[in-house]
Amino acid sequence: QMQLVESGGGLVQPGGSLRLSCAASGSIFSIYAMNWYRQPPGKQREKVAIITTGGITNYADSVKGRFTISRDNAKNTVSLQMNSLKPEDTAVYYCQGTSPQYGELWGQGTQVTVSS
């Protein structure tokens, strides 16, 4: 079974930056779309960003211009660079992808807290 493991979360002040990483235990080359989701406290999980194997990206309106998703198929990693963080970005962030071989994959999540 393939696994996704997120890292890089933490506590940051408003206006600060964090870089989240998602490491896959197997190849992500065949996973067409890799996604970052987040779940704020007391709210539903929402998609934040998506990147395809061809490098096409899309973002939720709330993070456009501040977040950047990237993937390295050779290293089997997906990253989310988060700049100009706001308190409303506070959430557990999850990496997700659907593998043709293993089906839907989710990481365990990493907590991001934006607070002064």
C-alpha atoms as a PDB file:
ATOM      1  CA  GLN A   1       0.000   0.000   0.000  1.00  0.00           C
ATOM      2  CA  MET A   2       1.315   3.415  -0.935  1.00  0.00           C
ATOM      3  CA  GLN A   3       1.408   6.090   1.771  1.00  0.00           C
ATOM      4  CA  LEU A   4       1.498   9.878   1.819  1.00  0.00           C
ATOM      5  CA  VAL A   5       3.219  11.698   4.676  1.00  0.00           C
ATOM      6  CA  GLU A   6       2.905  15.453   5.179  1.00  0.00           C
ATOM      7  CA  SER A   7       5.377  17.628   7.039  1.00  0.00           C
ATOM      8  CA  GLY A   8       6.234  21.275   7.524  1.00  0.00           C
ATOM      9  CA  GLY A   9       3.279  22.515   9.531  1.00  0.00           C
ATOM     10  CA  GLY A  10       3.600  24.656  12.611  1.00  0.00           C
ATOM     11  CA  LEU A  11       2.817  27.956  14.276  1.00  0.00           C
ATOM     12  CA  VAL A  12       3.469  31.121  12.275  1.00  0.00           C
ATOM     13  CA  GLN A  13       2.569  34.788  12.697  1.00  0.00           C
ATOM     14  CA  PRO A  14       0.192  36.508  10.285  1.00  0.00           C
ATOM     15  CA  GLY A  15       2.079  37.537   7.166  1.00  0.00           C
ATOM     16  CA  GLY A  16       4.563  34.731   7.571  1.00  0.00           C
ATOM     17  CA  SER A  17       5.360  31.764   5.362  1.00  0.00           C
ATOM     18  CA  LEU A  18       5.447  27.998   5.610  1.00  0.00           C
ATOM     19  CA  ARG A  19       6.321  25.267   3.160  1.00  0.00           C
ATOM     20  CA  LEU A  20       4.446  21.990   3.415  1.00  0.00           C
ATOM     21  CA  SER A  21       5.800  18.811   1.914  1.00  0.00           C
ATOM     22  CA  CYS A  22       4.105  15.548   1.031  1.00  0.00           C
ATOM     23  CA  ALA A  23       6.324  12.511   0.567  1.00  0.00           C
ATOM     24  CA  ALA A  24       4.943   9.433  -1.153  1.00  0.00           C
ATOM     25  CA  SER A  25       6.245   5.956  -0.376  1.00  0.00           C
ATOM     26  CA  GLY A  26       5.912   5.040  -4.036  1.00  0.00           C
ATOM     27  CA  SER A  27       5.876   6.639  -7.436  1.00  0.00           C
ATOM     28  CA  ILE A  28       3.465   9.515  -8.017  1.00  0.00           C
ATOM     29  CA  PHE A  29       4.223   9.573 -11.725  1.00  0.00           C
ATOM     30  CA  SER A  30       0.987   7.776 -12.574  1.00  0.00           C
ATOM     31  CA  ILE A  31      -1.166   9.936 -10.304  1.00  0.00           C
ATOM     32  CA  TYR A  32      -2.694  12.488 -12.649  1.00  0.00           C
ATOM     33  CA  ALA A  33      -3.685  15.054 -10.027  1.00  0.00           C
ATOM     34  CA  MET A  34      -2.115  15.659  -6.646  1.00  0.00           C
ATOM     35  CA  ASN A  35      -4.046  17.884  -4.307  1.00  0.00           C
ATOM     36  CA  TRP A  36      -3.752  19.786  -1.072  1.00  0.00           C
ATOM     37  CA  TYR A  37      -6.860  20.022   1.087  1.00  0.00           C
ATOM     38  CA  ARG A  38      -7.388  21.717   4.412  1.00  0.00           C
ATOM     39  CA  GLN A  39      -9.885  21.445   7.216  1.00  0.00           C
ATOM     40  CA  PRO A  40     -10.275  24.490   9.469  1.00  0.00           C
ATOM     41  CA  PRO A  41     -11.492  23.856  13.013  1.00  0.00           C
ATOM     42  CA  GLY A  42     -15.215  23.155  13.042  1.00  0.00           C
ATOM     43  CA  LYS A  43     -15.501  23.351   9.250  1.00  0.00           C
ATOM     44  CA  GLN A  44     -15.597  20.975   6.304  1.00  0.00           C
ATOM     45  CA  ARG A  45     -12.549  19.911   4.387  1.00  0.00           C
ATOM     46  CA  GLU A  46     -11.880  22.038   1.292  1.00  0.00           C
ATOM     47  CA  LYS A  47      -9.571  21.729  -1.674  1.00  0.00           C
ATOM     48  CA  VAL A  48      -6.815  24.315  -1.674  1.00  0.00           C
ATOM     49  CA  ALA A  49      -4.687  23.480  -4.684  1.00  0.00           C
ATOM     50  CA  ILE A  50      -4.240  20.922  -7.440  1.00  0.00           C
ATOM     51  CA  ILE A  51      -1.373  20.066  -9.757  1.00  0.00           C
ATOM     52  CA  THR A  52      -1.482  17.638 -12.670  1.00  0.00           C
ATOM     53  CA  THR A  53       1.292  15.472 -14.060  1.00  0.00           C
ATOM     54  CA  GLY A  54       1.747  18.091 -16.748  1.00  0.00           C
ATOM     55  CA  GLY A  55       2.213  20.851 -14.209  1.00  0.00           C
ATOM     56  CA  ILE A  56      -1.174  22.512 -14.632  1.00  0.00           C
ATOM     57  CA  THR A  57      -2.236  24.127 -11.380  1.00  0.00           C
ATOM     58  CA  ASN A  58      -5.397  25.559  -9.928  1.00  0.00           C
ATOM     59  CA  TYR A  59      -6.152  27.188  -6.601  1.00  0.00           C
ATOM     60  CA  ALA A  60      -9.031  28.055  -4.362  1.00  0.00           C
ATOM     61  CA  ASP A  61      -9.882  31.732  -4.658  1.00  0.00           C
ATOM     62  CA  SER A  62      -9.007  32.245  -1.003  1.00  0.00           C
ATOM     63  CA  VAL A  63      -5.341  31.329  -1.579  1.00  0.00           C
ATOM     64  CA  LYS A  64      -4.679  32.535  -5.138  1.00  0.00           C
ATOM     65  CA  GLY A  65      -1.581  34.650  -5.335  1.00  0.00           C
ATOM     66  CA  ARG A  66      -0.364  33.494  -1.923  1.00  0.00           C
ATOM     67  CA  PHE A  67       0.054  29.712  -2.242  1.00  0.00           C
ATOM     68  CA  THR A  68       2.062  27.778  -4.810  1.00  0.00           C
ATOM     69  CA  ILE A  69       1.823  24.039  -5.387  1.00  0.00           C
ATOM     70  CA  SER A  70       4.606  22.060  -7.002  1.00  0.00           C
ATOM     71  CA  ARG A  71       5.475  18.434  -7.593  1.00  0.00           C
ATOM     72  CA  ASP A  72       8.678  16.512  -8.212  1.00  0.00           C
ATOM     73  CA  ASN A  73       7.847  13.196  -9.837  1.00  0.00           C
ATOM     74  CA  ALA A  74      11.464  12.038  -9.586  1.00  0.00           C
ATOM     75  CA  LYS A  75      11.484  12.541  -5.810  1.00  0.00           C
ATOM     76  CA  ASN A  76       7.814  11.574  -5.344  1.00  0.00           C
ATOM     77  CA  THR A  77       7.042  14.748  -3.482  1.00  0.00           C
ATOM     78  CA  VAL A  78       4.412  17.465  -3.631  1.00  0.00           C
ATOM     79  CA  SER A  79       4.914  20.801  -1.915  1.00  0.00           C
ATOM     80  CA  LEU A  80       2.768  23.754  -0.953  1.00  0.00           C
ATOM     81  CA  GLN A  81       4.512  27.078  -0.463  1.00  0.00           C
ATOM     82  CA  MET A  82       2.293  29.331   1.629  1.00  0.00           C
ATOM     83  CA  ASN A  83       3.066  33.044   1.840  1.00  0.00           C
ATOM     84  CA  SER A  84       1.277  35.996   3.416  1.00  0.00           C
ATOM     85  CA  LEU A  85      -0.487  33.652   5.788  1.00  0.00           C
ATOM     86  CA  LYS A  86      -3.670  34.790   7.482  1.00  0.00           C
ATOM     87  CA  PRO A  87      -5.408  33.553  10.650  1.00  0.00           C
ATOM     88  CA  GLU A  88      -8.125  32.075   8.443  1.00  0.00           C
ATOM     89  CA  ASP A  89      -5.514  29.774   6.890  1.00  0.00           C
ATOM     90  CA  THR A  90      -5.382  27.923  10.208  1.00  0.00           C
ATOM     91  CA  ALA A  91      -6.298  24.310   9.488  1.00  0.00           C
ATOM     92  CA  VAL A  92      -5.078  20.761   9.214  1.00  0.00           C
ATOM     93  CA  TYR A  93      -3.584  20.396   5.739  1.00  0.00           C
ATOM     94  CA  TYR A  94      -3.802  17.109   3.853  1.00  0.00           C
ATOM     95  CA  CYS A  95      -2.106  15.761   0.769  1.00  0.00           C
ATOM     96  CA  GLN A  96      -4.298  13.651  -1.532  1.00  0.00           C
ATOM     97  CA  GLY A  97      -4.033  11.772  -4.775  1.00  0.00           C
ATOM     98  CA  THR A  98      -5.784   8.924  -6.556  1.00  0.00           C
ATOM     99  CA  SER A  99      -3.472   6.145  -7.650  1.00  0.00           C
ATOM    100  CA  PRO A 100      -4.525   3.872 -10.536  1.00  0.00           C
ATOM    101  CA  GLN A 101      -3.040   0.996  -8.529  1.00  0.00           C
ATOM    102  CA  TYR A 102      -3.921   1.847  -4.910  1.00  0.00           C
ATOM    103  CA  GLY A 103      -6.976   4.042  -5.216  1.00  0.00           C
ATOM    104  CA  GLU A 104      -7.616   7.174  -3.185  1.00  0.00           C
ATOM    105  CA  LEU A 105      -4.711   8.142  -0.940  1.00  0.00           C
ATOM    106  CA  TRP A 106      -4.658  10.601   1.957  1.00  0.00           C
ATOM    107  CA  GLY A 107      -1.922  11.660   4.300  1.00  0.00           C
ATOM    108  CA  GLN A 108      -2.394  11.963   8.051  1.00  0.00           C
ATOM    109  CA  GLY A 109      -2.412  15.756   7.913  1.00  0.00           C
ATOM    110  CA  THR A 110      -0.201  18.496   9.292  1.00  0.00           C
ATOM    111  CA  GLN A 111      -1.416  21.330  11.526  1.00  0.00           C
ATOM    112  CA  VAL A 112      -0.907  24.920  10.414  1.00  0.00           C
ATOM    113  CA  THR A 113      -1.715  27.621  12.945  1.00  0.00           C
ATOM    114  CA  VAL A 114      -1.516  31.293  12.032  1.00  0.00           C
ATOM    115  CA  SER A 115      -1.645  33.453  15.108  1.00  0.00           C
ATOM    116  CA  SER A 116       0.140  36.333  16.771  1.00  0.00           C
END
